[in-house]
Amino acid sequence: MKTKSKKTLITAALLVAFTISALAEEGGAVEEKAAPPPLPFHTIEGYGGGAITPIAYLVNPSPDAGQVFGLPSASYSYVNAGKKSLQAFALTETLWGRLELGYAYNRFGVGTLDDDILDATGIDIERGHVGLHNLNLRVLLLNESETLPAITAGIHYKKNEGIEDIDAKLGGALSSIGLDDDRGLDFTLTASKLFTPAGKPFIVSAGLRSSEASHIGLLGFSDDRELTFEGNVVWIPTSWLLLAYEYRQKSDSYDRIPGLVGREDDWHAIDVSWLINSHATLVAGWGRLGTLANTKENDAWYLQLKYEL
């Protein structure tokens, strides 16, 4: 096993051990509360947040004190990024009100990348899409209070299906620029605080991410782990409407293949959500994603339907 894999697995094991200890100490101590609105959404990677960034609040915890299981939440998201597209299927479950488990599968349509590779190299990669599996574990380390934010830590295991086949057909071209793995781990730490100016909920979130991923793993993973910033602001002006802005800094730890793999740009998103009822949300949004492999996609549009049981 690679040294970096051993280190990340040890870190993951320590966080899981801390979680079990915290839950054992605080089990049954959560105050009973009414069921909240169906927030946060699912990110496209399958954990609680906006479209592209996390929020420290967990998805659909049980409102009953001492109950182990919340009820599951499921979502479908579609992103039209110009010549490329992404579909995300996500499912989450929150335990003890402190531990959020999530899974998402991303199907990423590569757009004109296969044709551009064929034109540039004469090689047919024989793939119009790649898949990305996301397994997520998030722990609520600190409950929000009047003075302190909620703080959540996360481990996110990612496995790409398809990128190794593309790399093999290209004779190791992706490996040669540093994208030499099909799996990796992200670590996140997120703080969120609710404010109520003029009596309207306003949520501010900020966090750090340690990652090896290229374009969240859709183009594979490098050996260089980088620390980036991400955050969002959410305003709920009415009981049925939510508006948000998101920013996600992106690392750029690999070389280029001119015309085929460009630099990685930071992501921006604007979300508008209809809180349909206490179970369902419908989200529409716009994203500025910058360079995605061989094309610039600065006018991405997306929809998400999320349902909580």
Foldseek 3Di string as FASTA:
>chain_A
DDPVVVVVVVVVVVVVVVQVVVCVVCQQVDDADDQDFQDDDAALQAFGDHPPDHALQGGQQDNGGRFFWGFKKWKWKWKDQDQKIKIKTKMWIGTSSFKIKMKMKIKIFPGCLQVLCCVVPVFRLVDRTKMKIKTKIKGFPDPDDPPFWTKMKMKIKMFIGRLVSSCVSVVNPCVVFFQNARIWMKIKMKTKDWDQVVHWTKMKMKIKMWAQDDVNRRNHGGPDIDIWIWIKMWTDPDPFKIKMKIKTADDFRTDADPQFADGWGIKIKIKIWTSPDRFKIKIKIWMQGQDDGRDGRGTMIMIMIMTTD
